Amino acid sequence: DIRELVSDILIDEGYTTRLASNSDETFKCIDEELPELIIL
C-alpha cells in the first residue's frame, strides 16, 4: 500500500516510478537501469 501510494503521488507530479519490496528486487531494478533517485 505504501509503495503504491507513493508511486501514485509521484506519478501525479510527473515522475515515472518503479517498485521493489526487498533487496533482491531492488538490485535487479538497478541492474536493469540506474534510477535517478531511490526512496528506501
PDB file of all heavy atoms in Angstrom:
ATOM      1  N   ASP A   1       0.826  -1.207   0.000  1.00  0.00           N
ATOM      2  CA  ASP A   1       0.000   0.000   0.000  1.00  0.00           C
ATOM      3  C   ASP A   1       0.865   1.263   0.000  1.00  0.00           C
ATOM      4  O   ASP A   1       0.538   2.241  -0.689  1.00  0.00           O
ATOM      5  CB  ASP A   1      -0.924   0.004   1.232  1.00  0.00           C
ATOM      6  CG  ASP A   1      -1.996  -1.078   1.143  1.00  0.00           C
ATOM      7  OD1 ASP A   1      -2.193  -1.601   0.032  1.00  0.00           O
ATOM      8  OD2 ASP A   1      -2.609  -1.395   2.182  1.00  0.00           O
ATOM      9  N   ILE A   2       1.951   1.230   0.778  1.00  0.00           N
ATOM     10  CA  ILE A   2       2.847   2.395   0.840  1.00  0.00           C
ATOM     11  C   ILE A   2       3.527   2.604  -0.508  1.00  0.00           C
ATOM     12  O   ILE A   2       3.609   3.734  -1.013  1.00  0.00           O
ATOM     13  CB  ILE A   2       3.889   2.222   1.957  1.00  0.00           C
ATOM     14  CG1 ILE A   2       3.210   2.153   3.323  1.00  0.00           C
ATOM     15  CG2 ILE A   2       4.918   3.351   1.910  1.00  0.00           C
ATOM     16  CD1 ILE A   2       2.519   3.439   3.714  1.00  0.00           C
ATOM     17  N   ARG A   3       4.012   1.506  -1.090  1.00  0.00           N
ATOM     18  CA  ARG A   3       4.688   1.609  -2.395  1.00  0.00           C
ATOM     19  C   ARG A   3       3.775   2.261  -3.424  1.00  0.00           C
ATOM     20  O   ARG A   3       4.167   3.176  -4.148  1.00  0.00           O
ATOM     21  CB  ARG A   3       5.108   0.223  -2.902  1.00  0.00           C
ATOM     22  CG  ARG A   3       6.189  -0.459  -2.127  1.00  0.00           C
ATOM     23  CD  ARG A   3       6.801  -1.612  -2.929  1.00  0.00           C
ATOM     24  NE  ARG A   3       5.840  -2.608  -3.365  1.00  0.00           N
ATOM     25  CZ  ARG A   3       5.478  -3.683  -2.676  1.00  0.00           C
ATOM     26  NH1 ARG A   3       5.980  -3.865  -1.459  1.00  0.00           N
ATOM     27  NH2 ARG A   3       4.620  -4.560  -3.165  1.00  0.00           N
ATOM     28  N   GLU A   4       2.544   1.749  -3.468  1.00  0.00           N
ATOM     29  CA  GLU A   4       1.619   2.237  -4.498  1.00  0.00           C
ATOM     30  C   GLU A   4       1.155   3.659  -4.210  1.00  0.00           C
ATOM     31  O   GLU A   4       0.949   4.448  -5.145  1.00  0.00           O
ATOM     32  CB  GLU A   4       0.421   1.280  -4.600  1.00  0.00           C
ATOM     33  CG  GLU A   4       0.823  -0.093  -5.130  1.00  0.00           C
ATOM     34  CD  GLU A   4      -0.354  -1.041  -5.243  1.00  0.00           C
ATOM     35  OE1 GLU A   4      -1.440  -0.689  -4.710  1.00  0.00           O
ATOM     36  OE2 GLU A   4      -0.200  -2.118  -5.840  1.00  0.00           O
ATOM     37  N   LEU A   5       0.978   4.003  -2.931  1.00  0.00           N
ATOM     38  CA  LEU A   5       0.568   5.359  -2.575  1.00  0.00           C
ATOM     39  C   LEU A   5       1.645   6.372  -2.995  1.00  0.00           C
ATOM     40  O   LEU A   5       1.340   7.388  -3.633  1.00  0.00           O
ATOM     41  CB  LEU A   5       0.324   5.463  -1.061  1.00  0.00           C
ATOM     42  CG  LEU A   5       0.060   6.884  -0.520  1.00  0.00           C
ATOM     43  CD1 LEU A   5      -1.205   7.464  -1.144  1.00  0.00           C
ATOM     44  CD2 LEU A   5      -0.035   6.859   1.017  1.00  0.00           C
ATOM     45  N   VAL A   6       2.895   6.083  -2.638  1.00  0.00           N
ATOM     46  CA  VAL A   6       3.997   6.986  -3.007  1.00  0.00           C
ATOM     47  C   VAL A   6       4.119   7.072  -4.522  1.00  0.00           C
ATOM     48  O   VAL A   6       4.331   8.151  -5.089  1.00  0.00           O
ATOM     49  CB  VAL A   6       5.319   6.505  -2.378  1.00  0.00           C
ATOM     50  CG1 VAL A   6       6.488   7.357  -2.882  1.00  0.00           C
ATOM     51  CG2 VAL A   6       5.235   6.565  -0.855  1.00  0.00           C
ATOM     52  N   SER A   7       3.944   5.933  -5.179  1.00  0.00           N
ATOM     53  CA  SER A   7       4.039   5.911  -6.646  1.00  0.00           C
ATOM     54  C   SER A   7       2.966   6.793  -7.272  1.00  0.00           C
ATOM     55  O   SER A   7       3.244   7.579  -8.194  1.00  0.00           O
ATOM     56  CB  SER A   7       3.911   4.478  -7.152  1.00  0.00           C
ATOM     57  OG  SER A   7       3.901   4.436  -8.556  1.00  0.00           O
ATOM     58  N   ASP A   8       1.725   6.674  -6.779  1.00  0.00           N
ATOM     59  CA  ASP A   8       0.627   7.485  -7.329  1.00  0.00           C
ATOM     60  C   ASP A   8       0.895   8.983  -7.138  1.00  0.00           C
ATOM     61  O   ASP A   8       0.634   9.792  -8.038  1.00  0.00           O
ATOM     62  CB  ASP A   8      -0.704   7.103  -6.651  1.00  0.00           C
ATOM     63  CG  ASP A   8      -1.187   5.712  -7.061  1.00  0.00           C
ATOM     64  OD1 ASP A   8      -0.703   5.222  -8.107  1.00  0.00           O
ATOM     65  OD2 ASP A   8      -2.015   5.132  -6.342  1.00  0.00           O
ATOM     66  N   ILE A   9       1.413   9.334  -5.962  1.00  0.00           N
ATOM     67  CA  ILE A   9       1.705  10.751  -5.688  1.00  0.00           C
ATOM     68  C   ILE A   9       2.751  11.281  -6.664  1.00  0.00           C
ATOM     69  O   ILE A   9       2.603  12.369  -7.240  1.00  0.00           O
ATOM     70  CB  ILE A   9       2.196  10.925  -4.235  1.00  0.00           C
ATOM     71  CG1 ILE A   9       1.061  10.600  -3.248  1.00  0.00           C
ATOM     72  CG2 ILE A   9       2.729  12.346  -4.002  1.00  0.00           C
ATOM     73  CD1 ILE A   9       1.509  10.526  -1.805  1.00  0.00           C
ATOM     74  N   LEU A  10       3.805  10.487  -6.872  1.00  0.00           N
ATOM     75  CA  LEU A  10       4.906  10.948  -7.727  1.00  0.00           C
ATOM     76  C   LEU A  10       4.516  10.952  -9.202  1.00  0.00           C
ATOM     77  O   LEU A  10       4.943  11.827  -9.958  1.00  0.00           O
ATOM     78  CB  LEU A  10       6.141  10.064  -7.507  1.00  0.00           C
ATOM     79  CG  LEU A  10       6.745  10.147  -6.105  1.00  0.00           C
ATOM     80  CD1 LEU A  10       7.956   9.229  -5.989  1.00  0.00           C
ATOM     81  CD2 LEU A  10       7.144  11.585  -5.764  1.00  0.00           C
ATOM     82  N   ILE A  11       3.691  10.003  -9.603  1.00  0.00           N
ATOM     83  CA  ILE A  11       3.211   9.994 -10.994  1.00  0.00           C
ATOM     84  C   ILE A  11       2.372  11.246 -11.263  1.00  0.00           C
ATOM     85  O   ILE A  11       2.473  11.860 -12.328  1.00  0.00           O
ATOM     86  CB  ILE A  11       2.395   8.717 -11.274  1.00  0.00           C
ATOM     87  CG1 ILE A  11       3.328   7.494 -11.311  1.00  0.00           C
ATOM     88  CG2 ILE A  11       1.650   8.845 -12.600  1.00  0.00           C
ATOM     89  CD1 ILE A  11       2.601   6.163 -11.440  1.00  0.00           C
ATOM     90  N   ASP A  12       1.545  11.631 -10.268  1.00  0.00           N
ATOM     91  CA  ASP A  12       0.760  12.868 -10.414  1.00  0.00           C
ATOM     92  C   ASP A  12       1.666  14.093 -10.555  1.00  0.00           C
ATOM     93  O   ASP A  12       1.287  15.091 -11.180  1.00  0.00           O
ATOM     94  CB  ASP A  12      -0.167  13.056  -9.200  1.00  0.00           C
ATOM     95  CG  ASP A  12      -1.318  12.061  -9.196  1.00  0.00           C
ATOM     96  OD1 ASP A  12      -1.598  11.495 -10.272  1.00  0.00           O
ATOM     97  OD2 ASP A  12      -1.915  11.851  -8.122  1.00  0.00           O
ATOM     98  N   GLU A  13       2.875  14.002  -9.977  1.00  0.00           N
ATOM     99  CA  GLU A  13       3.831  15.124 -10.058  1.00  0.00           C
ATOM    100  C   GLU A  13       4.639  15.089 -11.350  1.00  0.00           C
ATOM    101  O   GLU A  13       5.467  15.972 -11.589  1.00  0.00           O
ATOM    102  CB  GLU A  13       4.775  15.083  -8.852  1.00  0.00           C
ATOM    103  CG  GLU A  13       4.109  15.340  -7.518  1.00  0.00           C
ATOM    104  CD  GLU A  13       3.579  16.757  -7.401  1.00  0.00           C
ATOM    105  OE1 GLU A  13       4.255  17.680  -7.914  1.00  0.00           O
ATOM    106  OE2 GLU A  13       2.498  16.957  -6.821  1.00  0.00           O
ATOM    107  N   GLY A  14       4.406  14.042 -12.160  1.00  0.00           N
ATOM    108  CA  GLY A  14       5.091  13.973 -13.442  1.00  0.00           C
ATOM    109  C   GLY A  14       6.280  13.038 -13.489  1.00  0.00           C
ATOM    110  O   GLY A  14       6.981  12.965 -14.510  1.00  0.00           O
ATOM    111  N   TYR A  15       6.539  12.295 -12.407  1.00  0.00           N
ATOM    112  CA  TYR A  15       7.673  11.366 -12.391  1.00  0.00           C
ATOM    113  C   TYR A  15       7.250   9.994 -12.918  1.00  0.00           C
ATOM    114  O   TYR A  15       6.053   9.666 -12.933  1.00  0.00           O
ATOM    115  CB  TYR A  15       8.216  11.201 -10.963  1.00  0.00           C
ATOM    116  CG  TYR A  15       8.743  12.470 -10.344  1.00  0.00           C
ATOM    117  CD1 TYR A  15       7.968  13.189  -9.430  1.00  0.00           C
ATOM    118  CD2 TYR A  15      10.010  12.958 -10.666  1.00  0.00           C
ATOM    119  CE1 TYR A  15       8.441  14.362  -8.842  1.00  0.00           C
ATOM    120  CE2 TYR A  15      10.487  14.130 -10.085  1.00  0.00           C
ATOM    121  CZ  TYR A  15       9.699  14.821  -9.177  1.00  0.00           C
ATOM    122  OH  TYR A  15      10.166  15.976  -8.607  1.00  0.00           O
ATOM    123  N   THR A  16       8.213   9.201 -13.314  1.00  0.00           N
ATOM    124  CA  THR A  16       7.973   7.782 -13.606  1.00  0.00           C
ATOM    125  C   THR A  16       8.534   6.983 -12.439  1.00  0.00           C
ATOM    126  O   THR A  16       9.534   7.382 -11.828  1.00  0.00           O
ATOM    127  CB  THR A  16       8.658   7.342 -14.914  1.00  0.00           C
ATOM    128  OG1 THR A  16      10.072   7.555 -14.806  1.00  0.00           O
ATOM    129  CG2 THR A  16       8.120   8.126 -16.092  1.00  0.00           C
ATOM    130  N   THR A  17       7.889   5.860 -12.130  1.00  0.00           N
ATOM    131  CA  THR A  17       8.292   5.107 -10.945  1.00  0.00           C
ATOM    132  C   THR A  17       8.445   3.623 -11.250  1.00  0.00           C
ATOM    133  O   THR A  17       7.845   3.096 -12.193  1.00  0.00           O
ATOM    134  CB  THR A  17       7.259   5.266  -9.810  1.00  0.00           C
ATOM    135  OG1 THR A  17       6.003   4.694 -10.246  1.00  0.00           O
ATOM    136  CG2 THR A  17       7.070   6.727  -9.442  1.00  0.00           C
ATOM    137  N   ARG A  18       9.278   2.973 -10.437  1.00  0.00           N
ATOM    138  CA  ARG A  18       9.385   1.513 -10.408  1.00  0.00           C
ATOM    139  C   ARG A  18       9.320   1.079  -8.952  1.00  0.00           C
ATOM    140  O   ARG A  18       9.705   1.844  -8.056  1.00  0.00           O
ATOM    141  CB  ARG A  18      10.702   1.049 -11.039  1.00  0.00           C
ATOM    142  CG  ARG A  18      10.730   1.193 -12.557  1.00  0.00           C
ATOM    143  CD  ARG A  18      12.055   0.691 -13.133  1.00  0.00           C
ATOM    144  NE  ARG A  18      13.147   1.614 -12.876  1.00  0.00           N
ATOM    145  CZ  ARG A  18      14.438   1.281 -12.937  1.00  0.00           C
ATOM    146  NH1 ARG A  18      14.772   0.031 -13.187  1.00  0.00           N
ATOM    147  NH2 ARG A  18      15.371   2.182 -12.713  1.00  0.00           N
ATOM    148  N   LEU A  19       8.846  -0.141  -8.716  1.00  0.00           N
ATOM    149  CA  LEU A  19       8.586  -0.582  -7.342  1.00  0.00           C
ATOM    150  C   LEU A  19       9.385  -1.839  -7.014  1.00  0.00           C
ATOM    151  O   LEU A  19       9.601  -2.704  -7.861  1.00  0.00           O
ATOM    152  CB  LEU A  19       7.097  -0.860  -7.145  1.00  0.00           C
ATOM    153  CG  LEU A  19       6.116   0.240  -7.613  1.00  0.00           C
ATOM    154  CD1 LEU A  19       4.681  -0.198  -7.336  1.00  0.00           C
ATOM    155  CD2 LEU A  19       6.420   1.550  -6.913  1.00  0.00           C
ATOM    156  N   ALA A  20       9.840  -1.918  -5.727  1.00  0.00           N
ATOM    157  CA  ALA A  20      10.548  -3.102  -5.234  1.00  0.00           C
ATOM    158  C   ALA A  20      10.183  -3.298  -3.770  1.00  0.00           C
ATOM    159  O   ALA A  20       9.952  -2.332  -3.035  1.00  0.00           O
ATOM    160  CB  ALA A  20      12.053  -2.934  -5.391  1.00  0.00           C
ATOM    161  N   SER A  21      10.140  -4.573  -3.339  1.00  0.00           N
ATOM    162  CA  SER A  21       9.730  -4.866  -1.966  1.00  0.00           C
ATOM    163  C   SER A  21      10.868  -5.376  -1.089  1.00  0.00           C
ATOM    164  O   SER A  21      10.721  -5.459   0.126  1.00  0.00           O
ATOM    165  CB  SER A  21       8.595  -5.899  -1.965  1.00  0.00           C
ATOM    166  OG  SER A  21       9.048  -7.122  -2.531  1.00  0.00           O
ATOM    167  N   ASN A  22      12.000  -5.742  -1.683  1.00  0.00           N
ATOM    168  CA  ASN A  22      13.131  -6.264  -0.900  1.00  0.00           C
ATOM    169  C   ASN A  22      14.452  -5.956  -1.617  1.00  0.00           C
ATOM    170  O   ASN A  22      14.463  -5.356  -2.701  1.00  0.00           O
ATOM    171  CB  ASN A  22      12.969  -7.773  -0.655  1.00  0.00           C
ATOM    172  CG  ASN A  22      12.767  -8.545  -1.953  1.00  0.00           C
ATOM    173  OD1 ASN A  22      13.493  -8.336  -2.939  1.00  0.00           O
ATOM    174  ND2 ASN A  22      11.769  -9.432  -1.970  1.00  0.00           N
ATOM    175  N   SER A  23      15.550  -6.406  -1.019  1.00  0.00           N
ATOM    176  CA  SER A  23      16.872  -6.077  -1.571  1.00  0.00           C
ATOM    177  C   SER A  23      17.101  -6.738  -2.931  1.00  0.00           C
ATOM    178  O   SER A  23      17.702  -6.121  -3.836  1.00  0.00           O
ATOM    179  CB  SER A  23      17.969  -6.504  -0.586  1.00  0.00           C
ATOM    180  OG  SER A  23      17.885  -7.890  -0.300  1.00  0.00           O
ATOM    181  N   ASP A  24      16.637  -7.981  -3.112  1.00  0.00           N
ATOM    182  CA  ASP A  24      16.846  -8.659  -4.390  1.00  0.00           C
ATOM    183  C   ASP A  24      16.148  -7.917  -5.531  1.00  0.00           C
ATOM    184  O   ASP A  24      16.738  -7.715  -6.610  1.00  0.00           O
ATOM    185  CB  ASP A  24      16.323 -10.106  -4.314  1.00  0.00           C
ATOM    186  CG  ASP A  24      17.157 -10.976  -3.393  1.00  0.00           C
ATOM    187  OD1 ASP A  24      18.321 -10.594  -3.124  1.00  0.00           O
ATOM    188  OD2 ASP A  24      16.663 -12.021  -2.937  1.00  0.00           O
ATOM    189  N   GLU A  25      14.910  -7.517  -5.301  1.00  0.00           N
ATOM    190  CA  GLU A  25      14.180  -6.781  -6.339  1.00  0.00           C
ATOM    191  C   GLU A  25      14.825  -5.404  -6.582  1.00  0.00           C
ATOM    192  O   GLU A  25      14.876  -4.928  -7.719  1.00  0.00           O
ATOM    193  CB  GLU A  25      12.714  -6.609  -5.918  1.00  0.00           C
ATOM    194  CG  GLU A  25      11.927  -7.911  -5.896  1.00  0.00           C
ATOM    195  CD  GLU A  25      10.488  -7.701  -5.450  1.00  0.00           C
ATOM    196  OE1 GLU A  25      10.077  -6.520  -5.276  1.00  0.00           O
ATOM    197  OE2 GLU A  25       9.760  -8.692  -5.266  1.00  0.00           O
ATOM    198  N   THR A  26      15.342  -4.820  -5.515  1.00  0.00           N
ATOM    199  CA  THR A  26      15.994  -3.514  -5.642  1.00  0.00           C
ATOM    200  C   THR A  26      17.218  -3.599  -6.554  1.00  0.00           C
ATOM    201  O   THR A  26      17.381  -2.799  -7.485  1.00  0.00           O
ATOM    202  CB  THR A  26      16.426  -2.990  -4.260  1.00  0.00           C
ATOM    203  OG1 THR A  26      15.270  -2.860  -3.426  1.00  0.00           O
ATOM    204  CG2 THR A  26      17.134  -1.647  -4.383  1.00  0.00           C
ATOM    205  N   PHE A  27      18.087  -4.562  -6.281  1.00  0.00           N
ATOM    206  CA  PHE A  27      19.315  -4.688  -7.073  1.00  0.00           C
ATOM    207  C   PHE A  27      19.009  -5.094  -8.516  1.00  0.00           C
ATOM    208  O   PHE A  27      19.718  -4.687  -9.446  1.00  0.00           O
ATOM    209  CB  PHE A  27      20.254  -5.695  -6.422  1.00  0.00           C
ATOM    210  CG  PHE A  27      20.748  -5.262  -5.062  1.00  0.00           C
ATOM    211  CD1 PHE A  27      20.877  -6.175  -4.027  1.00  0.00           C
ATOM    212  CD2 PHE A  27      21.055  -3.929  -4.815  1.00  0.00           C
ATOM    213  CE1 PHE A  27      21.319  -5.777  -2.779  1.00  0.00           C
ATOM    214  CE2 PHE A  27      21.502  -3.516  -3.568  1.00  0.00           C
ATOM    215  CZ  PHE A  27      21.630  -4.445  -2.541  1.00  0.00           C
ATOM    216  N   LYS A  28      17.945  -5.858  -8.699  1.00  0.00           N
ATOM    217  CA  LYS A  28      17.550  -6.239 -10.053  1.00  0.00           C
ATOM    218  C   LYS A  28      17.118  -4.998 -10.842  1.00  0.00           C
ATOM    219  O   LYS A  28      17.496  -4.843 -12.011  1.00  0.00           O
ATOM    220  CB  LYS A  28      16.404  -7.255 -10.007  1.00  0.00           C
ATOM    221  CG  LYS A  28      15.964  -7.740 -11.383  1.00  0.00           C
ATOM    222  CD  LYS A  28      14.822  -8.754 -11.282  1.00  0.00           C
ATOM    223  CE  LYS A  28      14.388  -9.197 -12.667  1.00  0.00           C
ATOM    224  NZ  LYS A  28      13.248 -10.172 -12.591  1.00  0.00           N
ATOM    225  N   CYS A  29      16.342  -4.133 -10.200  1.00  0.00           N
ATOM    226  CA  CYS A  29      15.912  -2.894 -10.865  1.00  0.00           C
ATOM    227  C   CYS A  29      17.103  -2.001 -11.204  1.00  0.00           C
ATOM    228  O   CYS A  29      17.170  -1.410 -12.290  1.00  0.00           O
ATOM    229  CB  CYS A  29      14.934  -2.132  -9.967  1.00  0.00           C
ATOM    230  SG  CYS A  29      13.293  -2.897  -9.809  1.00  0.00           S
ATOM    231  N   ILE A  30      18.050  -1.929 -10.276  1.00  0.00           N
ATOM    232  CA  ILE A  30      19.227  -1.094 -10.503  1.00  0.00           C
ATOM    233  C   ILE A  30      20.073  -1.648 -11.644  1.00  0.00           C
ATOM    234  O   ILE A  30      20.601  -0.896 -12.472  1.00  0.00           O
ATOM    235  CB  ILE A  30      20.059  -0.970  -9.207  1.00  0.00           C
ATOM    236  CG1 ILE A  30      19.276  -0.167  -8.169  1.00  0.00           C
ATOM    237  CG2 ILE A  30      21.418  -0.319  -9.487  1.00  0.00           C
ATOM    238  CD1 ILE A  30      19.944  -0.115  -6.815  1.00  0.00           C
ATOM    239  N   ASP A  31      20.211  -2.970 -11.687  1.00  0.00           N
ATOM    240  CA  ASP A  31      20.996  -3.591 -12.761  1.00  0.00           C
ATOM    241  C   ASP A  31      20.358  -3.364 -14.129  1.00  0.00           C
ATOM    242  O   ASP A  31      21.063  -3.197 -15.133  1.00  0.00           O
ATOM    243  CB  ASP A  31      21.149  -5.095 -12.502  1.00  0.00           C
ATOM    244  CG  ASP A  31      22.062  -5.395 -11.311  1.00  0.00           C
ATOM    245  OD1 ASP A  31      22.851  -4.493 -10.949  1.00  0.00           O
ATOM    246  OD2 ASP A  31      21.973  -6.499 -10.753  1.00  0.00           O
ATOM    247  N   GLU A  32      19.011  -3.386 -14.154  1.00  0.00           N
ATOM    248  CA  GLU A  32      18.322  -3.164 -15.429  1.00  0.00           C
ATOM    249  C   GLU A  32      18.541  -1.743 -15.928  1.00  0.00           C
ATOM    250  O   GLU A  32      18.840  -1.524 -17.096  1.00  0.00           O
ATOM    251  CB  GLU A  32      16.825  -3.439 -15.262  1.00  0.00           C
ATOM    252  CG  GLU A  32      16.497  -4.915 -15.070  1.00  0.00           C
ATOM    253  CD  GLU A  32      15.028  -5.138 -14.763  1.00  0.00           C
ATOM    254  OE1 GLU A  32      14.297  -4.120 -14.565  1.00  0.00           O
ATOM    255  OE2 GLU A  32      14.588  -6.301 -14.708  1.00  0.00           O
ATOM    256  N   GLU A  33      18.391  -0.776 -15.043  1.00  0.00           N
ATOM    257  CA  GLU A  33      18.622   0.625 -15.392  1.00  0.00           C
ATOM    258  C   GLU A  33      18.739   1.437 -14.110  1.00  0.00           C
ATOM    259  O   GLU A  33      17.888   1.341 -13.227  1.00  0.00           O
ATOM    260  CB  GLU A  33      17.479   1.189 -16.246  1.00  0.00           C
ATOM    261  CG  GLU A  33      17.735   2.603 -16.730  1.00  0.00           C
ATOM    262  CD  GLU A  33      16.637   3.098 -17.644  1.00  0.00           C
ATOM    263  OE1 GLU A  33      15.721   2.313 -17.950  1.00  0.00           O
ATOM    264  OE2 GLU A  33      16.698   4.281 -18.041  1.00  0.00           O
ATOM    265  N   LEU A  34      19.786   2.231 -14.025  1.00  0.00           N
ATOM    266  CA  LEU A  34      20.019   3.011 -12.817  1.00  0.00           C
ATOM    267  C   LEU A  34      18.973   4.116 -12.712  1.00  0.00           C
ATOM    268  O   LEU A  34      18.813   4.928 -13.627  1.00  0.00           O
ATOM    269  CB  LEU A  34      21.420   3.628 -12.862  1.00  0.00           C
ATOM    270  CG  LEU A  34      21.913   4.267 -11.556  1.00  0.00           C
ATOM    271  CD1 LEU A  34      22.121   3.199 -10.495  1.00  0.00           C
ATOM    272  CD2 LEU A  34      23.203   5.034 -11.796  1.00  0.00           C
ATOM    273  N   PRO A  35      18.213   4.160 -11.601  1.00  0.00           N
ATOM    274  CA  PRO A  35      17.205   5.227 -11.446  1.00  0.00           C
ATOM    275  C   PRO A  35      17.889   6.561 -11.148  1.00  0.00           C
ATOM    276  O   PRO A  35      19.086   6.618 -10.856  1.00  0.00           O
ATOM    277  CB  PRO A  35      16.375   4.752 -10.250  1.00  0.00           C
ATOM    278  CG  PRO A  35      17.326   3.926  -9.442  1.00  0.00           C
ATOM    279  CD  PRO A  35      18.234   3.249 -10.443  1.00  0.00           C
ATOM    280  N   GLU A  36      17.127   7.625 -11.204  1.00  0.00           N
ATOM    281  CA  GLU A  36      17.662   8.950 -10.879  1.00  0.00           C
ATOM    282  C   GLU A  36      17.570   9.238  -9.390  1.00  0.00           C
ATOM    283  O   GLU A  36      18.271  10.118  -8.885  1.00  0.00           O
ATOM    284  CB  GLU A  36      16.931  10.028 -11.675  1.00  0.00           C
ATOM    285  CG  GLU A  36      17.157   9.929 -13.181  1.00  0.00           C
ATOM    286  CD  GLU A  36      16.438  11.030 -13.938  1.00  0.00           C
ATOM    287  OE1 GLU A  36      16.519  12.199 -13.503  1.00  0.00           O
ATOM    288  OE2 GLU A  36      15.783  10.716 -14.946  1.00  0.00           O
ATOM    289  N   LEU A  37      16.715   8.488  -8.697  1.00  0.00           N
ATOM    290  CA  LEU A  37      16.565   8.670  -7.251  1.00  0.00           C
ATOM    291  C   LEU A  37      15.920   7.412  -6.674  1.00  0.00           C
ATOM    292  O   LEU A  37      15.137   6.735  -7.352  1.00  0.00           O
ATOM    293  CB  LEU A  37      15.703   9.903  -6.954  1.00  0.00           C
ATOM    294  CG  LEU A  37      15.435  10.255  -5.485  1.00  0.00           C
ATOM    295  CD1 LEU A  37      15.462  11.768  -5.280  1.00  0.00           C
ATOM    296  CD2 LEU A  37      14.072   9.715  -5.014  1.00  0.00           C
ATOM    297  N   ILE A  38      16.237   7.116  -5.417  1.00  0.00           N
ATOM    298  CA  ILE A  38      15.638   5.966  -4.735  1.00  0.00           C
ATOM    299  C   ILE A  38      14.987   6.427  -3.438  1.00  0.00           C
ATOM    300  O   ILE A  38      15.580   7.180  -2.663  1.00  0.00           O
ATOM    301  CB  ILE A  38      16.690   4.880  -4.416  1.00  0.00           C
ATOM    302  CG1 ILE A  38      17.287   4.310  -5.713  1.00  0.00           C
ATOM    303  CG2 ILE A  38      16.077   3.761  -3.578  1.00  0.00           C
ATOM    304  CD1 ILE A  38      18.357   3.263  -5.480  1.00  0.00           C
ATOM    305  N   ILE A  39      13.743   5.984  -3.216  1.00  0.00           N
ATOM    306  CA  ILE A  39      13.062   6.151  -1.935  1.00  0.00           C
ATOM    307  C   ILE A  39      13.135   4.806  -1.234  1.00  0.00           C
ATOM    308  O   ILE A  39      12.616   3.803  -1.750  1.00  0.00           O
ATOM    309  CB  ILE A  39      11.607   6.598  -2.126  1.00  0.00           C
ATOM    310  CG1 ILE A  39      11.566   7.965  -2.827  1.00  0.00           C
ATOM    311  CG2 ILE A  39      10.886   6.666  -0.787  1.00  0.00           C
ATOM    312  CD1 ILE A  39      10.159   8.418  -3.181  1.00  0.00           C
ATOM    313  N   LEU A  40      13.779   4.751  -0.080  1.00  0.00           N
ATOM    314  CA  LEU A  40      14.147   3.471   0.532  1.00  0.00           C
ATOM    315  C   LEU A  40      13.649   3.380   1.973  1.00  0.00           C
ATOM    316  O   LEU A  40      13.951   4.234   2.807  1.00  0.00           O
ATOM    317  CB  LEU A  40      15.680   3.331   0.493  1.00  0.00           C
ATOM    318  CG  LEU A  40      16.291   2.081   1.121  1.00  0.00           C
ATOM    319  CD1 LEU A  40      15.814   0.819   0.414  1.00  0.00           C
ATOM    320  CD2 LEU A  40      17.813   2.188   1.074  1.00  0.00           C
TER     321      LEU A  40
END
